[in-house]
Amino acid sequence: MLGNEIALQAVFFLALLLTVSVIDLRTRTIPDTLNVLIALTSFFVFEPWNLIGIFTALPFLLAAVFCGGMGGGDIKLMAACGVVLGLPYGLLAEMLGLFVMLGFYATYCCIQKIRKAEIMKSFPLAPFLSIGCTIAYFIKLGGLNL
């Protein structure tokens, strides 16, 4: 029976991450409604310890407060995903997402320099965080203990 709940959670969680990514790419915003829906997917397979996963948003909150340049939607997205993934997998998700973004940005900069074109300084973060969350989610489902 638990397999059905996991399958439902996976479908909704991944569909919502895709939706958030597309909206962030188009509008540079993440609707609060989607963050709430992501957090609610945790109830398909509820584990009380996952609630501390909300603290995965803390590094983003601190970066926004002290460095600026980050939207509140990204912070809320990681809090919502942290509730689904739990703290260890939430932290893994953000590290993976930021690593993917770093690789993308390095490649983008090299291509733009070769083309002698202007380099954009900012990109929507949600697509990269969504990639990290997707990978971490499947690692969690695979049973790898962190």
C-alpha atoms as a PDB file:
ATOM      1  CA  MET A   1       0.000   0.000   0.000  1.00  0.00           C
ATOM      2  CA  LEU A   2       2.847   2.408   0.784  1.00  0.00           C
ATOM      3  CA  GLY A   3       4.055   2.087  -2.818  1.00  0.00           C
ATOM      4  CA  ASN A   4       0.917   3.881  -4.054  1.00  0.00           C
ATOM      5  CA  GLU A   5       1.486   6.794  -1.690  1.00  0.00           C
ATOM      6  CA  ILE A   6       5.106   7.092  -2.768  1.00  0.00           C
ATOM      7  CA  ALA A   7       4.107   7.009  -6.433  1.00  0.00           C
ATOM      8  CA  LEU A   8       1.486   9.717  -5.882  1.00  0.00           C
ATOM      9  CA  GLN A   9       3.934  11.850  -3.949  1.00  0.00           C
ATOM     10  CA  ALA A  10       6.547  11.458  -6.676  1.00  0.00           C
ATOM     11  CA  VAL A  11       4.122  12.427  -9.445  1.00  0.00           C
ATOM     12  CA  PHE A  12       2.824  15.515  -7.645  1.00  0.00           C
ATOM     13  CA  PHE A  13       6.217  16.588  -6.273  1.00  0.00           C
ATOM     14  CA  LEU A  14       7.969  16.317  -9.636  1.00  0.00           C
ATOM     15  CA  ALA A  15       5.083  17.934 -11.546  1.00  0.00           C
ATOM     16  CA  LEU A  16       5.068  20.856  -9.120  1.00  0.00           C
ATOM     17  CA  LEU A  17       8.850  21.259  -9.399  1.00  0.00           C
ATOM     18  CA  LEU A  18       8.522  21.347 -13.182  1.00  0.00           C
ATOM     19  CA  THR A  19       5.729  23.922 -12.935  1.00  0.00           C
ATOM     20  CA  VAL A  20       7.760  26.096 -10.558  1.00  0.00           C
ATOM     21  CA  SER A  21      10.746  25.919 -12.906  1.00  0.00           C
ATOM     22  CA  VAL A  22       8.760  26.966 -15.973  1.00  0.00           C
ATOM     23  CA  ILE A  23       7.072  29.835 -14.129  1.00  0.00           C
ATOM     24  CA  ASP A  24      10.376  31.047 -12.676  1.00  0.00           C
ATOM     25  CA  LEU A  25      11.991  30.956 -16.124  1.00  0.00           C
ATOM     26  CA  ARG A  26       9.134  32.971 -17.616  1.00  0.00           C
ATOM     27  CA  THR A  27       8.348  35.451 -14.857  1.00  0.00           C
ATOM     28  CA  ARG A  28      11.220  35.299 -12.357  1.00  0.00           C
ATOM     29  CA  THR A  29       8.664  34.631  -9.616  1.00  0.00           C
ATOM     30  CA  ILE A  30       7.510  31.557  -7.718  1.00  0.00           C
ATOM     31  CA  PRO A  31       3.871  31.657  -6.601  1.00  0.00           C
ATOM     32  CA  ASP A  32       3.357  30.961  -2.894  1.00  0.00           C
ATOM     33  CA  THR A  33       0.519  28.611  -3.820  1.00  0.00           C
ATOM     34  CA  LEU A  34       2.948  26.255  -5.541  1.00  0.00           C
ATOM     35  CA  ASN A  35       5.289  26.283  -2.550  1.00  0.00           C
ATOM     36  CA  VAL A  36       2.373  25.372  -0.282  1.00  0.00           C
ATOM     37  CA  LEU A  37       1.335  22.558  -2.633  1.00  0.00           C
ATOM     38  CA  ILE A  38       4.904  21.215  -2.667  1.00  0.00           C
ATOM     39  CA  ALA A  39       4.968  21.178   1.136  1.00  0.00           C
ATOM     40  CA  LEU A  40       1.582  19.433   1.195  1.00  0.00           C
ATOM     41  CA  THR A  41       2.955  16.552  -0.896  1.00  0.00           C
ATOM     42  CA  SER A  42       4.854  15.550   2.241  1.00  0.00           C
ATOM     43  CA  PHE A  43       1.556  14.284   3.660  1.00  0.00           C
ATOM     44  CA  PHE A  44       1.404  11.465   1.103  1.00  0.00           C
ATOM     45  CA  VAL A  45       4.218   9.782   3.037  1.00  0.00           C
ATOM     46  CA  PHE A  46       4.360  11.728   6.275  1.00  0.00           C
ATOM     47  CA  GLU A  47       7.459  11.417   8.435  1.00  0.00           C
ATOM     48  CA  PRO A  48       7.543  13.788  11.430  1.00  0.00           C
ATOM     49  CA  TRP A  49      11.339  14.129  11.230  1.00  0.00           C
ATOM     50  CA  ASN A  50      10.969  15.671   7.786  1.00  0.00           C
ATOM     51  CA  LEU A  51       9.486  18.791   9.371  1.00  0.00           C
ATOM     52  CA  ILE A  52      12.956  19.944  10.397  1.00  0.00           C
ATOM     53  CA  GLY A  53      13.744  19.930   6.682  1.00  0.00           C
ATOM     54  CA  ILE A  54      12.303  23.442   6.662  1.00  0.00           C
ATOM     55  CA  PHE A  55      15.736  24.540   7.871  1.00  0.00           C
ATOM     56  CA  THR A  56      17.199  23.738   4.439  1.00  0.00           C
ATOM     57  CA  ALA A  57      16.016  27.244   3.558  1.00  0.00           C
ATOM     58  CA  LEU A  58      18.258  28.810   6.207  1.00  0.00           C
ATOM     59  CA  PRO A  59      21.383  29.219   4.006  1.00  0.00           C
ATOM     60  CA  PHE A  60      19.258  30.941   1.355  1.00  0.00           C
ATOM     61  CA  LEU A  61      17.612  33.173   3.950  1.00  0.00           C
ATOM     62  CA  LEU A  62      20.990  34.182   5.341  1.00  0.00           C
ATOM     63  CA  ALA A  63      22.329  34.835   1.847  1.00  0.00           C
ATOM     64  CA  ALA A  64      19.311  37.010   1.028  1.00  0.00           C
ATOM     65  CA  VAL A  65      19.592  38.989   4.257  1.00  0.00           C
ATOM     66  CA  PHE A  66      23.345  39.547   4.191  1.00  0.00           C
ATOM     67  CA  CYS A  67      24.183  39.483   0.479  1.00  0.00           C
ATOM     68  CA  GLY A  68      20.932  40.281  -1.329  1.00  0.00           C
ATOM     69  CA  GLY A  69      20.159  39.261  -4.872  1.00  0.00           C
ATOM     70  CA  MET A  70      17.950  36.316  -3.980  1.00  0.00           C
ATOM     71  CA  GLY A  71      14.201  36.255  -4.081  1.00  0.00           C
ATOM     72  CA  GLY A  72      11.931  35.089  -1.308  1.00  0.00           C
ATOM     73  CA  GLY A  73      10.385  32.522  -3.628  1.00  0.00           C
ATOM     74  CA  ASP A  74      13.635  30.552  -3.759  1.00  0.00           C
ATOM     75  CA  ILE A  75      13.816  30.570   0.030  1.00  0.00           C
ATOM     76  CA  LYS A  76      10.231  29.350   0.352  1.00  0.00           C
ATOM     77  CA  LEU A  77      10.809  26.740  -2.372  1.00  0.00           C
ATOM     78  CA  MET A  78      13.684  25.205  -0.432  1.00  0.00           C
ATOM     79  CA  ALA A  79      11.665  25.280   2.789  1.00  0.00           C
ATOM     80  CA  ALA A  80       8.802  23.443   1.051  1.00  0.00           C
ATOM     81  CA  CYS A  81      11.118  20.928  -0.596  1.00  0.00           C
ATOM     82  CA  GLY A  82      12.929  20.438   2.705  1.00  0.00           C
ATOM     83  CA  VAL A  83       9.673  19.355   4.329  1.00  0.00           C
ATOM     84  CA  VAL A  84       9.243  16.726   1.608  1.00  0.00           C
ATOM     85  CA  LEU A  85      12.870  15.581   1.561  1.00  0.00           C
ATOM     86  CA  GLY A  86      13.902  16.005   5.183  1.00  0.00           C
ATOM     87  CA  LEU A  87      16.979  17.894   6.345  1.00  0.00           C
ATOM     88  CA  PRO A  88      19.799  15.652   5.037  1.00  0.00           C
ATOM     89  CA  TYR A  89      18.273  15.184   1.592  1.00  0.00           C
ATOM     90  CA  GLY A  90      17.163  18.823   1.475  1.00  0.00           C
ATOM     91  CA  LEU A  91      20.737  19.948   2.046  1.00  0.00           C
ATOM     92  CA  LEU A  92      21.894  17.479  -0.588  1.00  0.00           C
ATOM     93  CA  ALA A  93      19.279  18.872  -2.978  1.00  0.00           C
ATOM     94  CA  GLU A  94      20.448  22.432  -2.602  1.00  0.00           C
ATOM     95  CA  MET A  95      24.106  21.461  -2.975  1.00  0.00           C
ATOM     96  CA  LEU A  96      23.316  19.494  -6.133  1.00  0.00           C
ATOM     97  CA  GLY A  97      21.157  22.308  -7.509  1.00  0.00           C
ATOM     98  CA  LEU A  98      23.823  24.927  -6.879  1.00  0.00           C
ATOM     99  CA  PHE A  99      26.482  22.641  -8.376  1.00  0.00           C
ATOM    100  CA  VAL A 100      24.369  22.208 -11.538  1.00  0.00           C
ATOM    101  CA  MET A 101      23.895  25.988 -11.700  1.00  0.00           C
ATOM    102  CA  LEU A 102      27.635  26.543 -11.311  1.00  0.00           C
ATOM    103  CA  GLY A 103      28.338  24.138 -14.186  1.00  0.00           C
ATOM    104  CA  PHE A 104      25.696  25.790 -16.333  1.00  0.00           C
ATOM    105  CA  TYR A 105      26.989  29.283 -15.594  1.00  0.00           C
ATOM    106  CA  ALA A 106      30.625  28.342 -16.282  1.00  0.00           C
ATOM    107  CA  THR A 107      29.636  26.795 -19.618  1.00  0.00           C
ATOM    108  CA  TYR A 108      27.423  29.777 -20.458  1.00  0.00           C
ATOM    109  CA  CYS A 109      30.232  32.252 -19.686  1.00  0.00           C
ATOM    110  CA  CYS A 110      32.700  30.347 -21.874  1.00  0.00           C
ATOM    111  CA  ILE A 111      30.265  30.254 -24.796  1.00  0.00           C
ATOM    112  CA  GLN A 112      29.428  33.949 -24.426  1.00  0.00           C
ATOM    113  CA  LYS A 113      33.135  34.877 -24.336  1.00  0.00           C
ATOM    114  CA  ILE A 114      33.781  32.851 -27.483  1.00  0.00           C
ATOM    115  CA  ARG A 115      30.832  34.595 -29.156  1.00  0.00           C
ATOM    116  CA  LYS A 116      32.015  37.936 -27.719  1.00  0.00           C
ATOM    117  CA  ALA A 117      28.517  38.489 -26.409  1.00  0.00           C
ATOM    118  CA  GLU A 118      27.289  40.078 -23.211  1.00  0.00           C
ATOM    119  CA  ILE A 119      27.152  37.833 -20.133  1.00  0.00           C
ATOM    120  CA  MET A 120      23.962  37.941 -18.075  1.00  0.00           C
ATOM    121  CA  LYS A 121      24.666  38.252 -14.356  1.00  0.00           C
ATOM    122  CA  SER A 122      21.581  36.524 -12.950  1.00  0.00           C
ATOM    123  CA  PHE A 123      19.464  33.505 -13.739  1.00  0.00           C
ATOM    124  CA  PRO A 124      16.306  32.047 -12.220  1.00  0.00           C
ATOM    125  CA  LEU A 125      17.368  29.675  -9.461  1.00  0.00           C
ATOM    126  CA  ALA A 126      14.260  27.457  -9.252  1.00  0.00           C
ATOM    127  CA  PRO A 127      15.079  25.263 -12.283  1.00  0.00           C
ATOM    128  CA  PHE A 128      18.457  24.373 -10.796  1.00  0.00           C
ATOM    129  CA  LEU A 129      17.060  23.791  -7.325  1.00  0.00           C
ATOM    130  CA  SER A 130      14.353  21.617  -8.899  1.00  0.00           C
ATOM    131  CA  ILE A 131      16.998  19.485 -10.582  1.00  0.00           C
ATOM    132  CA  GLY A 132      18.788  19.082  -7.261  1.00  0.00           C
ATOM    133  CA  CYS A 133      15.529  18.234  -5.473  1.00  0.00           C
ATOM    134  CA  THR A 134      14.617  15.669  -8.117  1.00  0.00           C
ATOM    135  CA  ILE A 135      17.988  13.936  -7.822  1.00  0.00           C
ATOM    136  CA  ALA A 136      17.871  14.005  -4.005  1.00  0.00           C
ATOM    137  CA  TYR A 137      14.312  12.666  -4.037  1.00  0.00           C
ATOM    138  CA  PHE A 138      15.303   9.653  -6.119  1.00  0.00           C
ATOM    139  CA  ILE A 139      18.401   9.081  -3.981  1.00  0.00           C
ATOM    140  CA  LYS A 140      16.102   9.077  -0.931  1.00  0.00           C
ATOM    141  CA  LEU A 141      13.711   6.644  -2.632  1.00  0.00           C
ATOM    142  CA  GLY A 142      16.664   4.430  -3.495  1.00  0.00           C
ATOM    143  CA  GLY A 143      17.370   4.057   0.198  1.00  0.00           C
ATOM    144  CA  LEU A 144      20.765   5.721   0.399  1.00  0.00           C
ATOM    145  CA  ASN A 145      21.119   6.884   4.004  1.00  0.00           C
ATOM    146  CA  LEU A 146      22.760  10.249   4.592  1.00  0.00           C
END
